Protein backbone atom coordinates (compact mmCIF):
# COMPACT_ATOMS: atom_id res chain seq x y z
CA MET A 1 -11.98 -19.64 -2.45
CA ARG A 2 -9.06 -21.21 -0.69
CA PHE A 3 -8.77 -24.46 1.19
CA CYS A 4 -6.70 -25.48 4.19
CA PRO A 5 -3.46 -27.19 3.13
CA ASN A 6 -3.72 -29.52 6.16
CA CYS A 7 -7.33 -30.76 6.09
CA ASP A 8 -8.86 -29.32 2.87
CA ASN A 9 -11.63 -27.40 4.68
CA ILE A 10 -12.72 -24.03 3.32
CA LEU A 11 -10.79 -21.10 4.79
CA ILE A 12 -12.88 -18.18 5.98
CA PRO A 13 -11.74 -14.59 6.55
CA LYS A 14 -11.30 -13.73 10.23
CA ASP A 15 -9.27 -10.98 11.89
CA GLY A 16 -7.63 -9.98 8.61
CA LYS A 17 -6.40 -13.51 7.90
CA LEU A 18 -7.85 -16.76 6.60
CA TYR A 19 -8.98 -19.18 9.29
CA CYS A 20 -9.57 -22.93 9.25
CA GLN A 21 -12.32 -23.94 11.66
CA ALA A 22 -11.24 -27.58 11.71
CA CYS A 23 -7.52 -27.06 12.37
CA GLU A 24 -8.04 -23.76 14.20
CA GLU A 25 -5.10 -22.26 12.32
CA TYR A 26 -4.68 -18.88 10.67
CA PHE A 27 -3.15 -18.40 7.23
CA GLU A 28 -1.94 -15.21 5.60
CA LEU A 29 -4.01 -13.66 2.84
CA GLY A 30 -2.52 -13.81 -0.63
CA LYS A 31 -2.41 -10.94 -3.12
CA ASN A 32 -5.70 -12.05 -4.68
CA ASP A 33 -7.42 -12.59 -1.33
CA LYS A 34 -7.76 -8.92 -0.27
CA ASP A 35 -11.42 -8.71 -1.34
CA TYR A 36 -12.59 -11.80 0.55
CA THR A 37 -16.17 -11.41 1.74
CA ILE A 38 -18.81 -13.70 3.16
CA SER A 39 -22.30 -13.27 1.78
CA LYS A 40 -25.52 -15.12 2.30
CA LYS A 41 -28.47 -14.87 -0.06
CA ILE A 42 -31.94 -15.69 1.14
CA HIS A 43 -34.22 -17.02 -1.54
CA HIS A 44 -37.90 -16.57 -0.84
CA ASP A 45 -40.45 -19.07 -1.99
CA ASP A 46 -43.22 -17.82 -4.29
CA ARG A 47 -45.77 -19.15 -1.79
CA GLU A 48 -44.64 -16.70 0.87
CA LYS A 49 -47.11 -13.91 1.34
CA SER A 50 -44.79 -11.11 2.39
CA SER A 51 -41.12 -10.55 2.98
CA ARG A 52 -41.73 -7.49 5.15
CA VAL A 53 -40.92 -7.37 8.81
CA LEU A 54 -43.89 -6.28 10.84
CA LYS A 55 -43.42 -4.46 14.08
CA LYS A 56 -46.03 -4.63 16.76
CA SER A 57 -46.71 -1.28 18.28
CA SER A 58 -48.13 -1.05 21.73
CA ARG A 59 -50.10 1.76 23.21
CA VAL A 60 -49.12 3.15 26.54
CA LYS A 61 -52.15 3.25 28.77
CA SER A 62 -52.83 6.74 29.94
CA THR A 63 -53.17 7.25 33.64
CA ILE A 64 -56.37 8.52 35.13
CA SER A 65 -56.49 12.25 35.78
CA ILE A 66 -56.54 13.60 39.33
CA GLU A 67 -60.04 15.02 38.84
CA ASP A 68 -61.40 11.67 37.65
CA ARG A 69 -59.71 9.85 40.51
CA LYS A 70 -61.32 12.20 43.05
CA ALA A 71 -64.72 11.74 41.40
CA TYR A 72 -64.39 7.92 41.57
CA GLU A 73 -63.32 8.08 45.21
CA GLU A 74 -66.28 10.31 46.08
CA PHE A 75 -68.70 8.05 44.23
CA PHE A 76 -67.52 4.85 45.88
CA THR A 77 -66.98 6.22 49.40
CA ASN A 78 -70.33 8.04 49.52
CA SER A 79 -72.38 5.14 48.22
CA GLU A 80 -74.62 3.29 50.63
CA GLU A 81 -73.44 0.04 52.08
CA GLY A 82 -75.06 -3.03 50.59
CA SER A 83 -76.22 -1.21 47.46
CA TYR A 84 -74.86 -3.87 45.17
């Protein structure tokens, strides 16, 4: 871990160099800085039920067939008026 010589903030790797977010300056990597990586570990609480990501799947509604559509049209157009 290296710190900015101007403001003592932590330098982060960016564009192949070390970058200070406060000063907005870039600094060259040293010989020991070639394997600089940023990692973040997420610690789960024991009370959590699951760490899985669930995906919701949706069903595509099928369209009515031509034969069924014709049957519905015949049924509703041939019915008597006021037969509710």
